[in-house]
């Protein structure tokens, strides 16, 4: 059965699963890091950033959107490491700001509009699952009548 709405409990589980997935793939992401300097720490920095947020998210009991959004946003900002960590924390800040605003209106729900992957200049190598690294959803805020 397809999920049609995302409540705070599901969002919490999704965030924690995403953090675990990034942690599991950090070495692969480190190997991708070649420009502008091949320092090989992008995956590690992103992982440290999201794990910091995940610790705060996991500590939220009976989550409401305001508390969950704060845990994601402030946890990622406090744990941000390197440029990639700061960029990730700002992306998460924008995401949480949007979902918090949507949740403040009691009749607002999010609807998945589409699923996307990386741009054409980052092709998927079908023989290597790890090349399918960038996945995201586009949601639309909808009102119920």
Protein backbone atom coordinates (compact mmCIF):
# COMPACT_ATOMS: atom_id res chain seq x y z
CA UNK A 1 0.00 0.00 0.00
CA UNK A 2 1.39 3.40 -0.99
CA UNK A 3 2.04 6.00 1.65
CA UNK A 4 -0.07 9.08 0.96
CA UNK A 5 0.86 11.26 3.93
CA UNK A 6 3.92 11.63 6.11
CA UNK A 7 3.34 12.15 9.82
CA UNK A 8 6.02 13.09 12.32
CA UNK A 9 6.69 9.51 13.38
CA UNK A 10 7.30 8.45 9.77
CA UNK A 11 9.47 11.50 9.08
CA UNK A 12 11.55 10.68 12.15
CA UNK A 13 12.06 7.09 10.93
CA UNK A 14 12.86 8.28 7.40
CA UNK A 15 15.44 10.77 8.65
CA UNK A 16 17.15 8.18 10.86
CA UNK A 17 17.21 5.67 8.00
CA UNK A 18 18.68 8.29 5.67
CA UNK A 19 21.36 9.16 8.22
CA UNK A 20 22.28 5.48 8.58
CA UNK A 21 22.46 5.15 4.80
CA UNK A 22 24.76 8.16 4.47
CA UNK A 23 26.96 6.78 7.25
CA UNK A 24 27.15 3.43 5.43
CA UNK A 25 28.12 5.10 2.12
CA UNK A 26 30.56 7.71 3.45
CA UNK A 27 33.68 5.96 2.14
CA UNK A 28 32.20 5.77 -1.34
CA UNK A 29 31.36 9.48 -1.18
CA UNK A 30 34.91 10.19 0.01
CA UNK A 31 36.22 8.48 -3.14
CA UNK A 32 34.01 10.68 -5.34
CA UNK A 33 35.55 13.84 -3.89
CA UNK A 34 38.11 14.98 -6.46
CA UNK A 35 37.28 18.63 -7.17
CA UNK A 36 38.53 21.23 -6.40
CA UNK A 37 40.87 19.41 -4.01
CA UNK A 38 40.90 15.61 -3.69
CA UNK A 39 40.94 15.69 0.11
CA UNK A 40 38.61 12.69 0.37
CA UNK A 41 36.61 13.89 3.37
CA UNK A 42 33.25 14.91 1.91
CA UNK A 43 31.51 11.70 2.95
CA UNK A 44 33.03 11.80 6.41
CA UNK A 45 32.03 15.44 6.93
CA UNK A 46 28.48 14.87 5.69
CA UNK A 47 28.20 11.75 7.83
CA UNK A 48 29.38 13.52 10.98
CA UNK A 49 26.90 16.31 10.28
CA UNK A 50 23.87 14.09 9.77
CA UNK A 51 24.77 11.73 12.64
CA UNK A 52 24.83 14.75 14.95
CA UNK A 53 21.31 15.62 13.81
CA UNK A 54 20.21 11.96 14.01
CA UNK A 55 21.21 11.80 17.68
CA UNK A 56 18.93 14.74 18.43
CA UNK A 57 16.14 13.35 16.26
CA UNK A 58 16.33 9.95 17.98
CA UNK A 59 16.02 11.67 21.36
CA UNK A 60 12.68 13.26 20.44
CA UNK A 61 9.90 11.25 22.09
CA UNK A 62 6.36 11.53 20.74
CA UNK A 63 7.50 13.96 18.06
CA UNK A 64 5.57 16.98 16.94
CA UNK A 65 6.76 18.72 13.78
CA UNK A 66 8.13 21.78 15.60
CA UNK A 67 10.39 19.65 17.83
CA UNK A 68 11.44 17.32 15.04
CA UNK A 69 12.31 20.23 12.73
CA UNK A 70 14.34 21.88 15.50
CA UNK A 71 16.25 18.64 16.18
CA UNK A 72 17.12 18.20 12.50
CA UNK A 73 18.06 21.82 11.92
CA UNK A 74 19.99 22.60 15.10
CA UNK A 75 21.56 19.14 15.35
CA UNK A 76 22.94 19.35 11.82
CA UNK A 77 24.20 22.91 12.31
CA UNK A 78 25.97 22.07 15.57
CA UNK A 79 27.49 18.96 14.03
CA UNK A 80 28.46 20.53 10.70
CA UNK A 81 31.99 19.64 9.61
CA UNK A 82 33.76 21.06 6.57
CA UNK A 83 32.13 22.79 3.63
CA UNK A 84 30.00 19.79 2.71
CA UNK A 85 28.67 19.52 6.26
CA UNK A 86 27.75 23.19 6.38
CA UNK A 87 26.04 22.93 2.99
CA UNK A 88 24.11 19.84 4.16
CA UNK A 89 23.06 21.58 7.38
CA UNK A 90 21.75 24.55 5.40
CA UNK A 91 19.85 22.26 3.05
CA UNK A 92 18.28 20.55 6.08
CA UNK A 93 17.51 23.94 7.62
CA UNK A 94 15.57 24.96 4.51
CA UNK A 95 13.74 21.63 4.46
CA UNK A 96 12.75 21.84 8.12
CA UNK A 97 11.66 25.45 7.77
CA UNK A 98 9.30 24.40 4.98
CA UNK A 99 7.83 21.38 6.77
CA UNK A 100 7.43 23.32 10.01
CA UNK A 101 5.52 26.08 8.22
CA UNK A 102 3.33 23.48 6.51
CA UNK A 103 2.59 21.70 9.77
CA UNK A 104 1.59 24.93 11.51
CA UNK A 105 -1.52 25.06 9.35
CA UNK A 106 -3.71 22.27 10.70
CA UNK A 107 -5.22 21.40 7.32
CA UNK A 108 -1.99 21.09 5.37
CA UNK A 109 -0.54 17.85 4.09
CA UNK A 110 2.45 17.06 1.89
CA UNK A 111 1.97 15.13 -1.34
CA UNK A 112 4.80 13.47 -3.23
CA UNK A 113 4.96 15.01 -6.70
CA UNK A 114 7.93 13.16 -8.11
CA UNK A 115 11.11 11.25 -7.41
CA UNK A 116 14.40 12.36 -8.95
CA UNK A 117 17.99 11.23 -9.12
CA UNK A 118 21.29 12.77 -10.13
CA UNK A 119 21.81 15.02 -13.13
CA UNK A 120 22.89 13.62 -16.53
CA UNK A 121 26.51 14.57 -15.85
CA UNK A 122 26.50 12.02 -12.98
CA UNK A 123 25.32 8.91 -14.81
CA UNK A 124 24.16 5.75 -13.11
CA UNK A 125 26.36 2.74 -13.78
CA UNK A 126 23.90 -0.13 -13.72
CA UNK A 127 26.63 -2.60 -12.74
CA UNK A 128 27.53 -0.52 -9.67
CA UNK A 129 24.68 0.13 -7.22
CA UNK A 130 26.71 2.75 -5.40
CA UNK A 131 26.59 5.04 -8.45
CA UNK A 132 22.89 5.49 -7.73
CA UNK A 133 23.74 7.78 -4.81
CA UNK A 134 21.58 10.86 -5.22
CA UNK A 135 17.88 10.34 -4.69
CA UNK A 136 15.28 12.85 -3.62
CA UNK A 137 11.58 13.51 -3.62
CA UNK A 138 9.71 16.66 -4.55
CA UNK A 139 6.72 17.35 -2.33
CA UNK A 140 3.83 19.73 -2.80
CA UNK A 141 2.01 21.34 0.09
CA UNK A 142 -1.70 20.65 -0.37
CA UNK A 143 -4.75 21.69 1.59
CA UNK A 144 -7.51 19.29 2.50
CA UNK A 145 -11.07 20.52 2.33
